[in-house]
Amino acid sequence: MSPHSTYETLRQFADSWGLVATFVLFVVLVAWPFRPGARKANEEAANMIFAEDNRGGDYNGE
């Protein structure tokens, strides 16, 4: 098998099943935050910036 035919085979695979796999991965990643069990984790992440800092005052890296 020549390198040219290997390239053509891989390109044909990427144009067909690679595209399908990429689309499925995209749909899964977009739908992941909307799954029923994720509500608590999403709310915690959204409100994390409003949490009180227990150290008090400005954070100076110590």
Protein backbone atom coordinates (compact mmCIF):
# COMPACT_ATOMS: atom_id res chain seq x y z
CA MET A 1 0.00 0.00 0.00
CA SER A 2 1.48 3.32 -1.05
CA PRO A 3 1.51 6.44 1.18
CA HIS A 4 -0.90 8.11 -1.23
CA SER A 5 -3.53 5.41 -0.74
CA THR A 6 -3.04 5.56 3.05
CA TYR A 7 -3.68 9.29 2.94
CA GLU A 8 -6.78 8.83 0.81
CA THR A 9 -8.09 6.12 3.15
CA LEU A 10 -7.58 8.27 6.24
CA ARG A 11 -9.11 11.28 4.53
CA GLN A 12 -12.16 9.29 3.49
CA PHE A 13 -12.55 8.03 7.08
CA ALA A 14 -12.21 11.56 8.48
CA ASP A 15 -14.72 12.92 5.98
CA SER A 16 -17.32 10.34 6.94
CA TRP A 17 -17.04 8.71 10.38
CA GLY A 18 -14.70 11.34 11.77
CA LEU A 19 -17.31 13.99 11.04
CA VAL A 20 -20.03 11.90 12.69
CA ALA A 21 -17.88 11.28 15.77
CA THR A 22 -17.03 14.99 16.06
CA PHE A 23 -20.70 15.95 15.79
CA VAL A 24 -21.70 13.40 18.45
CA LEU A 25 -18.96 14.68 20.77
CA PHE A 26 -20.19 18.25 20.23
CA VAL A 27 -23.79 17.34 21.07
CA VAL A 28 -22.71 15.48 24.22
CA LEU A 29 -20.55 18.38 25.43
CA VAL A 30 -23.30 20.93 24.79
CA ALA A 31 -25.95 18.78 26.53
CA TRP A 32 -23.73 17.84 29.52
CA PRO A 33 -24.51 20.90 31.71
CA PHE A 34 -28.26 20.41 31.17
CA ARG A 35 -28.48 16.88 32.55
CA PRO A 36 -30.80 16.53 35.56
CA GLY A 37 -28.08 15.72 38.13
CA ALA A 38 -25.96 18.75 37.27
CA ARG A 39 -28.22 21.46 38.71
CA LYS A 40 -26.50 21.64 42.12
CA ALA A 41 -22.98 21.70 40.67
CA ASN A 42 -23.98 24.37 38.13
CA GLU A 43 -25.55 26.57 40.80
CA GLU A 44 -22.48 26.23 43.04
CA ALA A 45 -20.19 27.18 40.16
CA ALA A 46 -22.39 30.15 39.22
CA ASN A 47 -22.46 31.49 42.79
CA MET A 48 -18.81 30.78 43.62
CA ILE A 49 -17.75 34.34 42.83
CA PHE A 50 -20.12 35.65 45.51
CA ALA A 51 -18.75 33.45 48.31
CA GLU A 52 -17.28 35.25 51.30
CA ASP A 53 -13.55 34.99 51.73
CA ASN A 54 -12.90 33.56 55.21
CA ARG A 55 -9.53 35.34 55.51
CA GLY A 56 -11.11 38.78 55.58
CA GLY A 57 -9.71 41.88 53.96
CA ASP A 58 -7.76 41.90 50.74
CA TYR A 59 -6.02 38.77 49.64
CA ASN A 60 -2.30 39.45 49.40
CA GLY A 61 -1.13 35.98 48.41
CA GLU A 62 -0.19 34.69 51.86
